[in-house]
Protein backbone atom coordinates (compact mmCIF):
# COMPACT_ATOMS: atom_id res chain seq x y z
CA MET A 1 84.86 117.00 34.71
CA TYR A 2 85.65 116.65 38.51
CA GLN A 3 87.04 119.45 40.78
CA ASP A 4 88.81 119.42 43.85
CA LYS A 5 86.45 120.04 46.77
CA THR A 6 87.04 121.11 50.39
CA LEU A 7 85.05 119.00 52.81
CA THR A 8 85.08 119.01 56.56
CA CYS A 9 85.80 116.01 58.67
CA LYS A 10 82.87 114.91 60.85
CA ASP A 11 85.35 113.36 63.53
CA CYS A 12 87.99 116.26 63.92
CA GLY A 13 86.41 118.94 62.20
CA VAL A 14 89.53 119.67 59.96
CA ASP A 15 89.01 120.73 56.46
CA PHE A 16 90.54 118.49 53.83
CA GLN A 17 90.56 118.17 50.06
CA PHE A 18 88.59 115.49 48.20
CA THR A 19 90.46 115.73 44.97
CA ALA A 20 89.32 115.28 41.31
CA SER A 21 91.19 111.94 40.96
CA GLU A 22 89.58 110.59 44.38
CA GLN A 23 85.98 111.77 43.05
CA GLU A 24 86.88 109.88 39.88
CA PHE A 25 87.85 106.74 41.91
CA TYR A 26 84.65 107.06 44.05
CA ALA A 27 82.55 107.26 40.87
CA GLU A 28 84.18 104.18 39.20
CA LYS A 29 83.57 102.08 42.15
CA GLY A 30 79.94 103.32 42.34
CA PHE A 31 80.20 105.13 45.78
CA THR A 32 77.59 107.95 45.85
CA ASN A 33 78.54 109.54 49.03
CA GLU A 34 81.54 111.82 49.67
CA PRO A 35 83.93 110.99 52.42
CA GLY A 36 82.87 112.25 55.73
CA ARG A 37 86.41 111.91 57.40
CA CYS A 38 89.85 113.23 56.60
CA PRO A 39 92.21 110.77 55.41
CA GLU A 40 93.83 110.79 59.02
CA CYS A 41 90.50 109.78 60.68
CA ARG A 42 89.55 107.34 58.09
CA ALA A 43 93.22 105.50 58.71
CA ALA A 44 92.60 105.65 62.32
CA ARG A 45 89.21 104.33 62.24
CA LYS A 46 90.39 101.57 59.74
CA ALA A 47 93.29 100.67 62.17
CA GLN A 48 90.64 100.57 65.03
CA ASN A 49 88.41 98.19 63.08
CA ASN A 50 91.40 95.81 62.25
CA ARG A 51 92.53 95.45 65.90
CA GLY A 52 89.26 93.12 66.38
CA GLY A 53 86.73 95.86 66.91
CA ARG A 54 83.53 96.01 64.53
CA GLY A 55 82.10 99.25 63.42
CA GLY A 56 84.10 100.98 66.26
CA TYR A 57 82.71 98.71 68.89
CA ASP A 58 84.88 96.27 70.84
CA ARG A 59 84.24 92.89 70.22
CA GLN A 60 83.81 90.64 73.30
CA GLU A 61 85.55 87.50 73.65
CA ARG A 62 83.29 84.24 73.15
CA GLN A 63 82.78 82.28 76.04
CA MET A 64 83.93 78.78 75.81
CA TYR A 65 82.96 75.62 77.35
CA PRO A 66 84.70 72.45 78.24
CA ALA A 67 83.80 69.34 76.44
CA VAL A 68 85.00 65.74 75.55
CA CYS A 69 85.22 64.99 71.69
CA SER A 70 82.81 62.04 70.94
CA ALA A 71 85.07 60.71 68.13
CA CYS A 72 88.39 60.72 69.85
CA GLY A 73 87.83 61.44 73.49
CA LYS A 74 90.03 64.35 73.69
CA GLU A 75 89.21 67.39 75.90
CA THR A 76 88.21 70.35 74.10
CA GLN A 77 86.49 73.64 74.17
CA VAL A 78 83.30 74.69 72.32
CA PRO A 79 81.46 77.97 71.83
CA PHE A 80 78.21 76.73 73.21
CA GLN A 81 76.88 74.80 76.43
CA PRO A 82 77.01 71.31 75.68
CA ARG A 83 73.53 69.77 76.48
CA GLY A 84 74.57 65.83 76.35
CA ASP A 85 72.08 64.90 73.35
CA LYS A 86 74.27 65.52 70.61
CA PRO A 87 77.94 64.62 69.76
CA ILE A 88 80.54 67.10 70.39
CA TYR A 89 83.70 67.03 68.08
CA CYS A 90 87.30 68.44 68.52
CA ARG A 91 88.63 70.78 65.80
CA ASP A 92 90.65 67.74 64.32
CA CYS A 93 87.58 65.32 64.02
CA PHE A 94 85.01 68.13 63.16
CA ARG A 95 86.78 69.22 59.92
CA PRO A 96 86.67 65.95 58.12
CA ARG A 97 82.99 65.80 58.90
CA ASN A 98 82.21 69.05 57.20
CA ASN A 99 84.71 68.91 54.44
CA TRP A 100 86.53 72.16 55.41
């Protein structure tokens, strides 16, 4: 039913084989598009994404703000600017309150 196809990588321009077994796998998974990248470029892109980037973009470090836990008084850091009108909890005190 499926036959090997030669495709061209959109990143490096190298021709690569989209084998009949790969086509069958894609069909079983419900994928409708053929791969646009050769196996080497796919692996490189996947490795780049696994290093903390999202979609090829570098993720910026989240700014943290100093705070004091309202429950235990421990100094902590939170990912938002505390306004003083709501309680702030450290990681240890926050988890039991949210059933994590």
